[in-house]
């Protein structure tokens, strides 16, 4: 099953740009994910299991390296709006 995730990261410190960029760069480095980044969020898509594995790993790493941070996520099953497949 395909999964699409719209995710935003808000590090709770004054130096917030570097952790956001590092998180996005790590997502972009994964060849099994399709990513698209805008000013407010990043959209990630791929196979459900892989997307969830990568998100779990990278969110944990971000918390370890950054400390307090907020992730806002929206999950959509399917590879596009309305497909559900």
PDB file of N, CA and C in Angstrom:
ATOM      1  N   UNK A   1       0.839  -1.170   0.000  1.00  0.00           N
ATOM      2  CA  UNK A   1       0.000   0.000   0.000  1.00  0.00           C
ATOM      3  C   UNK A   1       0.892   1.244   0.000  1.00  0.00           C
ATOM      4  N   UNK A   2       0.472   2.232  -0.733  1.00  0.00           N
ATOM      5  CA  UNK A   2       1.183   3.507  -0.782  1.00  0.00           C
ATOM      6  C   UNK A   2       0.717   4.408   0.355  1.00  0.00           C
ATOM      7  N   UNK A   3       1.611   5.297   0.777  1.00  0.00           N
ATOM      8  CA  UNK A   3       1.308   6.256   1.836  1.00  0.00           C
ATOM      9  C   UNK A   3       1.886   7.610   1.457  1.00  0.00           C
ATOM     10  N   UNK A   4       1.105   8.658   1.695  1.00  0.00           N
ATOM     11  CA  UNK A   4       1.562  10.031   1.509  1.00  0.00           C
ATOM     12  C   UNK A   4       1.512  10.715   2.870  1.00  0.00           C
ATOM     13  N   UNK A   5       2.597  11.402   3.230  1.00  0.00           N
ATOM     14  CA  UNK A   5       2.673  12.111   4.510  1.00  0.00           C
ATOM     15  C   UNK A   5       3.055  13.558   4.243  1.00  0.00           C
ATOM     16  N   UNK A   6       2.292  14.460   4.812  1.00  0.00           N
ATOM     17  CA  UNK A   6       2.614  15.885   4.795  1.00  0.00           C
ATOM     18  C   UNK A   6       3.133  16.193   6.194  1.00  0.00           C
ATOM     19  N   UNK A   7       4.408  16.577   6.303  1.00  0.00           N
ATOM     20  CA  UNK A   7       5.040  16.727   7.616  1.00  0.00           C
ATOM     21  C   UNK A   7       5.729  18.082   7.740  1.00  0.00           C
ATOM     22  N   UNK A   8       5.572  18.675   8.914  1.00  0.00           N
ATOM     23  CA  UNK A   8       6.255  19.926   9.255  1.00  0.00           C
ATOM     24  C   UNK A   8       7.000  19.712  10.565  1.00  0.00           C
ATOM     25  N   UNK A   9       8.155  20.319  10.675  1.00  0.00           N
ATOM     26  CA  UNK A   9       8.993  20.214  11.870  1.00  0.00           C
ATOM     27  C   UNK A   9       9.190  21.599  12.467  1.00  0.00           C
ATOM     28  N   UNK A  10       8.970  21.694  13.774  1.00  0.00           N
ATOM     29  CA  UNK A  10       9.142  22.944  14.503  1.00  0.00           C
ATOM     30  C   UNK A  10      10.050  22.711  15.707  1.00  0.00           C
ATOM     31  N   UNK A  11      11.376  22.858  15.541  1.00  0.00           N
ATOM     32  CA  UNK A  11      12.283  22.739  16.686  1.00  0.00           C
ATOM     33  C   UNK A  11      12.007  23.882  17.673  1.00  0.00           C
ATOM     34  N   UNK A  12      11.997  23.558  18.943  1.00  0.00           N
ATOM     35  CA  UNK A  12      11.678  24.564  19.954  1.00  0.00           C
ATOM     36  C   UNK A  12      12.953  25.188  20.515  1.00  0.00           C
ATOM     37  N   UNK A  13      13.721  25.792  19.610  1.00  0.00           N
ATOM     38  CA  UNK A  13      14.899  26.548  20.012  1.00  0.00           C
ATOM     39  C   UNK A  13      15.154  27.630  18.976  1.00  0.00           C
ATOM     40  N   UNK A  14      16.042  28.558  19.299  1.00  0.00           N
ATOM     41  CA  UNK A  14      16.289  29.695  18.417  1.00  0.00           C
ATOM     42  C   UNK A  14      16.981  29.303  17.120  1.00  0.00           C
ATOM     43  N   UNK A  15      17.788  28.271  17.147  1.00  0.00           N
ATOM     44  CA  UNK A  15      18.510  27.831  15.947  1.00  0.00           C
ATOM     45  C   UNK A  15      17.716  26.696  15.302  1.00  0.00           C
ATOM     46  N   UNK A  16      16.647  27.063  14.618  1.00  0.00           N
ATOM     47  CA  UNK A  16      15.712  26.061  14.102  1.00  0.00           C
ATOM     48  C   UNK A  16      15.945  25.670  12.647  1.00  0.00           C
ATOM     49  N   UNK A  17      16.620  26.496  11.869  1.00  0.00           N
ATOM     50  CA  UNK A  17      16.794  26.212  10.437  1.00  0.00           C
ATOM     51  C   UNK A  17      17.643  24.961  10.206  1.00  0.00           C
ATOM     52  N   UNK A  18      18.766  24.839  10.879  1.00  0.00           N
ATOM     53  CA  UNK A  18      19.678  23.701  10.651  1.00  0.00           C
ATOM     54  C   UNK A  18      19.010  22.348  10.925  1.00  0.00           C
ATOM     55  N   UNK A  19      18.279  22.170  12.028  1.00  0.00           N
ATOM     56  CA  UNK A  19      17.627  20.873  12.237  1.00  0.00           C
ATOM     57  C   UNK A  19      16.563  20.558  11.189  1.00  0.00           C
ATOM     58  N   UNK A  20      15.835  21.579  10.747  1.00  0.00           N
ATOM     59  CA  UNK A  20      14.828  21.356   9.701  1.00  0.00           C
ATOM     60  C   UNK A  20      15.509  20.918   8.418  1.00  0.00           C
ATOM     61  N   UNK A  21      16.563  21.631   8.021  1.00  0.00           N
ATOM     62  CA  UNK A  21      17.262  21.288   6.779  1.00  0.00           C
ATOM     63  C   UNK A  21      17.889  19.905   6.856  1.00  0.00           C
ATOM     64  N   UNK A  22      18.458  19.558   8.000  1.00  0.00           N
ATOM     65  CA  UNK A  22      19.068  18.234   8.163  1.00  0.00           C
ATOM     66  C   UNK A  22      18.019  17.135   8.027  1.00  0.00           C
ATOM     67  N   UNK A  23      16.843  17.337   8.619  1.00  0.00           N
ATOM     68  CA  UNK A  23      15.756  16.361   8.522  1.00  0.00           C
ATOM     69  C   UNK A  23      15.323  16.186   7.065  1.00  0.00           C
ATOM     70  N   UNK A  24      15.118  17.290   6.364  1.00  0.00           N
ATOM     71  CA  UNK A  24      14.716  17.232   4.953  1.00  0.00           C
ATOM     72  C   UNK A  24      15.796  16.559   4.116  1.00  0.00           C
ATOM     73  N   UNK A  25      17.052  16.898   4.353  1.00  0.00           N
ATOM     74  CA  UNK A  25      18.153  16.289   3.592  1.00  0.00           C
ATOM     75  C   UNK A  25      18.183  14.779   3.768  1.00  0.00           C
ATOM     76  N   UNK A  26      17.976  14.305   4.985  1.00  0.00           N
ATOM     77  CA  UNK A  26      17.977  12.858   5.222  1.00  0.00           C
ATOM     78  C   UNK A  26      16.815  12.180   4.498  1.00  0.00           C
ATOM     79  N   UNK A  27      15.659  12.820   4.465  1.00  0.00           N
ATOM     80  CA  UNK A  27      14.531  12.256   3.716  1.00  0.00           C
ATOM     81  C   UNK A  27      14.846  12.218   2.226  1.00  0.00           C
ATOM     82  N   UNK A  28      15.442  13.291   1.720  1.00  0.00           N
ATOM     83  CA  UNK A  28      15.791  13.349   0.295  1.00  0.00           C
ATOM     84  C   UNK A  28      16.843  12.320  -0.093  1.00  0.00           C
ATOM     85  N   UNK A  29      17.680  11.912   0.844  1.00  0.00           N
ATOM     86  CA  UNK A  29      18.731  10.929   0.562  1.00  0.00           C
ATOM     87  C   UNK A  29      18.191   9.518   0.373  1.00  0.00           C
ATOM     88  N   UNK A  30      16.951   9.269   0.771  1.00  0.00           N
ATOM     89  CA  UNK A  30      16.370   7.929   0.661  1.00  0.00           C
ATOM     90  C   UNK A  30      15.769   7.750  -0.729  1.00  0.00           C
ATOM     91  N   UNK A  31      16.362   6.879  -1.522  1.00  0.00           N
ATOM     92  CA  UNK A  31      15.933   6.689  -2.912  1.00  0.00           C
ATOM     93  C   UNK A  31      14.565   6.021  -3.035  1.00  0.00           C
ATOM     94  N   UNK A  32      14.059   5.439  -1.955  1.00  0.00           N
ATOM     95  CA  UNK A  32      12.749   4.785  -2.003  1.00  0.00           C
ATOM     96  C   UNK A  32      11.598   5.735  -1.666  1.00  0.00           C
ATOM     97  N   UNK A  33      11.926   6.976  -1.348  1.00  0.00           N
ATOM     98  CA  UNK A  33      10.906   7.973  -1.039  1.00  0.00           C
ATOM     99  C   UNK A  33      10.850   9.018  -2.133  1.00  0.00           C
ATOM    100  N   UNK A  34       9.642   9.471  -2.430  1.00  0.00           N
ATOM    101  CA  UNK A  34       9.459  10.651  -3.266  1.00  0.00           C
ATOM    102  C   UNK A  34       9.179  11.800  -2.313  1.00  0.00           C
ATOM    103  N   UNK A  35       9.925  12.896  -2.455  1.00  0.00           N
ATOM    104  CA  UNK A  35       9.743  14.030  -1.555  1.00  0.00           C
ATOM    105  C   UNK A  35       9.547  15.310  -2.343  1.00  0.00           C
ATOM    106  N   UNK A  36       8.775  16.198  -1.767  1.00  0.00           N
ATOM    107  CA  UNK A  36       8.543  17.521  -2.332  1.00  0.00           C
ATOM    108  C   UNK A  36       8.452  18.488  -1.162  1.00  0.00           C
ATOM    109  N   UNK A  37       9.304  19.507  -1.159  1.00  0.00           N
ATOM    110  CA  UNK A  37       9.361  20.435  -0.030  1.00  0.00           C
ATOM    111  C   UNK A  37       8.879  21.813  -0.447  1.00  0.00           C
ATOM    112  N   UNK A  38       8.017  22.392   0.380  1.00  0.00           N
ATOM    113  CA  UNK A  38       7.565  23.769   0.189  1.00  0.00           C
ATOM    114  C   UNK A  38       8.032  24.588   1.393  1.00  0.00           C
ATOM    115  N   UNK A  39       7.613  25.824   1.462  1.00  0.00           N
ATOM    116  CA  UNK A  39       8.039  26.691   2.562  1.00  0.00           C
ATOM    117  C   UNK A  39       7.512  26.219   3.914  1.00  0.00           C
ATOM    118  N   UNK A  40       6.380  25.515   3.925  1.00  0.00           N
ATOM    119  CA  UNK A  40       5.751  25.156   5.193  1.00  0.00           C
ATOM    120  C   UNK A  40       5.818  23.681   5.554  1.00  0.00           C
ATOM    121  N   UNK A  41       6.031  22.802   4.569  1.00  0.00           N
ATOM    122  CA  UNK A  41       6.010  21.370   4.869  1.00  0.00           C
ATOM    123  C   UNK A  41       6.722  20.580   3.784  1.00  0.00           C
ATOM    124  N   UNK A  42       6.911  19.303   4.071  1.00  0.00           N
ATOM    125  CA  UNK A  42       7.473  18.364   3.103  1.00  0.00           C
ATOM    126  C   UNK A  42       6.474  17.239   2.912  1.00  0.00           C
ATOM    127  N   UNK A  43       6.252  16.874   1.661  1.00  0.00           N
ATOM    128  CA  UNK A  43       5.376  15.753   1.339  1.00  0.00           C
ATOM    129  C   UNK A  43       6.256  14.574   0.982  1.00  0.00           C
ATOM    130  N   UNK A  44       6.005  13.455   1.651  1.00  0.00           N
ATOM    131  CA  UNK A  44       6.769  12.225   1.457  1.00  0.00           C
ATOM    132  C   UNK A  44       5.802  11.169   0.969  1.00  0.00           C
ATOM    133  N   UNK A  45       6.207  10.391  -0.034  1.00  0.00           N
ATOM    134  CA  UNK A  45       5.360   9.280  -0.459  1.00  0.00           C
ATOM    135  C   UNK A  45       6.224   8.077  -0.781  1.00  0.00           C
ATOM    136  N   UNK A  46       5.614   6.908  -0.620  1.00  0.00           N
ATOM    137  CA  UNK A  46       6.301   5.654  -0.884  1.00  0.00           C
ATOM    138  C   UNK A  46       5.492   4.503  -0.329  1.00  0.00           C
ATOM    139  N   UNK A  47       6.123   3.343  -0.256  1.00  0.00           N
ATOM    140  CA  UNK A  47       5.463   2.179   0.319  1.00  0.00           C
ATOM    141  C   UNK A  47       5.255   2.399   1.820  1.00  0.00           C
ATOM    142  N   UNK A  48       4.077   2.053   2.291  1.00  0.00           N
ATOM    143  CA  UNK A  48       3.668   2.322   3.673  1.00  0.00           C
ATOM    144  C   UNK A  48       4.731   1.917   4.694  1.00  0.00           C
ATOM    145  N   UNK A  49       5.158   0.668   4.641  1.00  0.00           N
ATOM    146  CA  UNK A  49       6.098   0.162   5.648  1.00  0.00           C
ATOM    147  C   UNK A  49       7.403   0.944   5.640  1.00  0.00           C
ATOM    148  N   UNK A  50       7.889   1.263   4.452  1.00  0.00           N
ATOM    149  CA  UNK A  50       9.161   1.976   4.356  1.00  0.00           C
ATOM    150  C   UNK A  50       9.014   3.417   4.855  1.00  0.00           C
ATOM    151  N   UNK A  51       7.940   4.079   4.453  1.00  0.00           N
ATOM    152  CA  UNK A  51       7.723   5.459   4.903  1.00  0.00           C
ATOM    153  C   UNK A  51       7.672   5.521   6.426  1.00  0.00           C
ATOM    154  N   UNK A  52       6.926   4.613   7.043  1.00  0.00           N
ATOM    155  CA  UNK A  52       6.796   4.619   8.499  1.00  0.00           C
ATOM    156  C   UNK A  52       8.121   4.289   9.187  1.00  0.00           C
ATOM    157  N   UNK A  53       8.888   3.374   8.614  1.00  0.00           N
ATOM    158  CA  UNK A  53      10.201   3.030   9.163  1.00  0.00           C
ATOM    159  C   UNK A  53      11.127   4.246   9.139  1.00  0.00           C
ATOM    160  N   UNK A  54      11.188   4.915   7.996  1.00  0.00           N
ATOM    161  CA  UNK A  54      12.063   6.080   7.848  1.00  0.00           C
ATOM    162  C   UNK A  54      11.609   7.214   8.767  1.00  0.00           C
ATOM    163  N   UNK A  55      10.313   7.489   8.799  1.00  0.00           N
ATOM    164  CA  UNK A  55       9.825   8.562   9.668  1.00  0.00           C
ATOM    165  C   UNK A  55      10.148   8.290  11.128  1.00  0.00           C
ATOM    166  N   UNK A  56       9.920   7.074  11.587  1.00  0.00           N
ATOM    167  CA  UNK A  56      10.239   6.737  12.975  1.00  0.00           C
ATOM    168  C   UNK A  56      11.705   6.943  13.293  1.00  0.00           C
ATOM    169  N   UNK A  57      12.555   6.463  12.400  1.00  0.00           N
ATOM    170  CA  UNK A  57      14.002   6.586  12.608  1.00  0.00           C
ATOM    171  C   UNK A  57      14.437   8.049  12.602  1.00  0.00           C
ATOM    172  N   UNK A  58      13.966   8.805  11.619  1.00  0.00           N
ATOM    173  CA  UNK A  58      14.419  10.192  11.477  1.00  0.00           C
ATOM    174  C   UNK A  58      13.812  11.118  12.524  1.00  0.00           C
ATOM    175  N   UNK A  59      12.599  10.838  12.954  1.00  0.00           N
ATOM    176  CA  UNK A  59      12.027  11.633  14.039  1.00  0.00           C
ATOM    177  C   UNK A  59      12.804  11.396  15.330  1.00  0.00           C
ATOM    178  N   UNK A  60      13.125  10.148  15.618  1.00  0.00           N
ATOM    179  CA  UNK A  60      13.912   9.828  16.817  1.00  0.00           C
ATOM    180  C   UNK A  60      15.275  10.512  16.760  1.00  0.00           C
ATOM    181  N   UNK A  61      15.920  10.463  15.599  1.00  0.00           N
ATOM    182  CA  UNK A  61      17.225  11.111  15.447  1.00  0.00           C
ATOM    183  C   UNK A  61      17.111  12.623  15.669  1.00  0.00           C
ATOM    184  N   UNK A  62      16.070  13.225  15.112  1.00  0.00           N
ATOM    185  CA  UNK A  62      15.871  14.664  15.288  1.00  0.00           C
ATOM    186  C   UNK A  62      15.695  15.012  16.757  1.00  0.00           C
ATOM    187  N   UNK A  63      14.879  14.242  17.478  1.00  0.00           N
ATOM    188  CA  UNK A  63      14.714  14.491  18.914  1.00  0.00           C
ATOM    189  C   UNK A  63      16.038  14.336  19.657  1.00  0.00           C
ATOM    190  N   UNK A  64      16.824  13.323  19.291  1.00  0.00           N
ATOM    191  CA  UNK A  64      18.113  13.095  19.958  1.00  0.00           C
ATOM    192  C   UNK A  64      19.080  14.239  19.723  1.00  0.00           C
ATOM    193  N   UNK A  65      19.086  14.771  18.503  1.00  0.00           N
ATOM    194  CA  UNK A  65      20.047  15.819  18.140  1.00  0.00           C
ATOM    195  C   UNK A  65      19.570  17.223  18.496  1.00  0.00           C
ATOM    196  N   UNK A  66      18.259  17.440  18.508  1.00  0.00           N
ATOM    197  CA  UNK A  66      17.705  18.782  18.643  1.00  0.00           C
ATOM    198  C   UNK A  66      17.107  19.054  20.007  1.00  0.00           C
ATOM    199  N   UNK A  67      16.617  18.029  20.659  1.00  0.00           N
ATOM    200  CA  UNK A  67      15.883  18.233  21.905  1.00  0.00           C
ATOM    201  C   UNK A  67      14.407  18.403  21.596  1.00  0.00           C
ATOM    202  N   UNK A  68      13.771  19.339  22.262  1.00  0.00           N
ATOM    203  CA  UNK A  68      12.337  19.542  22.080  1.00  0.00           C
ATOM    204  C   UNK A  68      12.017  20.021  20.668  1.00  0.00           C
ATOM    205  N   UNK A  69      11.030  19.363  20.056  1.00  0.00           N
ATOM    206  CA  UNK A  69      10.580  19.736  18.718  1.00  0.00           C
ATOM    207  C   UNK A  69       9.165  19.212  18.532  1.00  0.00           C
ATOM    208  N   UNK A  70       8.423  19.867  17.662  1.00  0.00           N
ATOM    209  CA  UNK A  70       7.066  19.451  17.334  1.00  0.00           C
ATOM    210  C   UNK A  70       7.046  18.996  15.877  1.00  0.00           C
ATOM    211  N   UNK A  71       6.480  17.816  15.641  1.00  0.00           N
ATOM    212  CA  UNK A  71       6.207  17.341  14.287  1.00  0.00           C
ATOM    213  C   UNK A  71       4.697  17.403  14.081  1.00  0.00           C
ATOM    214  N   UNK A  72       4.267  17.995  12.984  1.00  0.00           N
ATOM    215  CA  UNK A  72       2.857  18.003  12.603  1.00  0.00           C
ATOM    216  C   UNK A  72       2.756  17.180  11.333  1.00  0.00           C
ATOM    217  N   UNK A  73       1.952  16.104  11.381  1.00  0.00           N
ATOM    218  CA  UNK A  73       1.871  15.160  10.262  1.00  0.00           C
ATOM    219  C   UNK A  73       0.427  14.926   9.849  1.00  0.00           C
ATOM    220  N   UNK A  74       0.234  14.780   8.540  1.00  0.00           N
ATOM    221  CA  UNK A  74      -1.040  14.332   7.982  1.00  0.00           C
ATOM    222  C   UNK A  74      -0.728  13.118   7.124  1.00  0.00           C
ATOM    223  N   UNK A  75      -1.501  12.052   7.294  1.00  0.00           N
ATOM    224  CA  UNK A  75      -1.273  10.797   6.584  1.00  0.00           C
ATOM    225  C   UNK A  75      -2.445  10.517   5.653  1.00  0.00           C
ATOM    226  N   UNK A  76      -2.128  10.108   4.433  1.00  0.00           N
ATOM    227  CA  UNK A  76      -3.140   9.763   3.440  1.00  0.00           C
ATOM    228  C   UNK A  76      -2.757   8.441   2.803  1.00  0.00           C
ATOM    229  N   UNK A  77      -3.645   7.449   2.904  1.00  0.00           N
ATOM    230  CA  UNK A  77      -3.333   6.191   2.227  1.00  0.00           C
ATOM    231  C   UNK A  77      -3.611   6.363   0.740  1.00  0.00           C
ATOM    232  N   UNK A  78      -2.752   5.804  -0.081  1.00  0.00           N
ATOM    233  CA  UNK A  78      -2.847   5.958  -1.529  1.00  0.00           C
ATOM    234  C   UNK A  78      -1.717   6.809  -2.040  1.00  0.00           C
ATOM    235  N   UNK A  79      -1.563   6.835  -3.352  1.00  0.00           N
ATOM    236  CA  UNK A  79      -0.467   7.602  -3.928  1.00  0.00           C
ATOM    237  C   UNK A  79      -0.903   8.982  -4.389  1.00  0.00           C
ATOM    238  N   UNK A  80      -2.188   9.290  -4.306  1.00  0.00           N
ATOM    239  CA  UNK A  80      -2.687  10.617  -4.641  1.00  0.00           C
ATOM    240  C   UNK A  80      -4.068  10.791  -4.022  1.00  0.00           C
ATOM    241  N   UNK A  81      -4.561  11.986  -4.023  1.00  0.00           N
ATOM    242  CA  UNK A  81      -5.871  12.265  -3.445  1.00  0.00           C
ATOM    243  C   UNK A  81      -6.945  11.414  -4.112  1.00  0.00           C
ATOM    244  N   UNK A  82      -7.708  10.710  -3.295  1.00  0.00           N
ATOM    245  CA  UNK A  82      -8.844   9.963  -3.798  1.00  0.00           C
ATOM    246  C   UNK A  82      -8.560   8.580  -4.324  1.00  0.00           C
ATOM    247  N   UNK A  83      -7.284   8.176  -4.438  1.00  0.00           N
ATOM    248  CA  UNK A  83      -7.002   6.861  -5.026  1.00  0.00           C
ATOM    249  C   UNK A  83      -7.218   5.734  -4.027  1.00  0.00           C
ATOM    250  N   UNK A  84      -6.764   5.916  -2.784  1.00  0.00           N
ATOM    251  CA  UNK A  84      -6.918   4.891  -1.770  1.00  0.00           C
ATOM    252  C   UNK A  84      -6.174   3.603  -2.061  1.00  0.00           C
ATOM    253  N   UNK A  85      -5.294   3.618  -3.026  1.00  0.00           N
ATOM    254  CA  UNK A  85      -4.542   2.405  -3.387  1.00  0.00           C
ATOM    255  C   UNK A  85      -3.062   2.637  -3.292  1.00  0.00           C
TER     256      UNK A  85
END
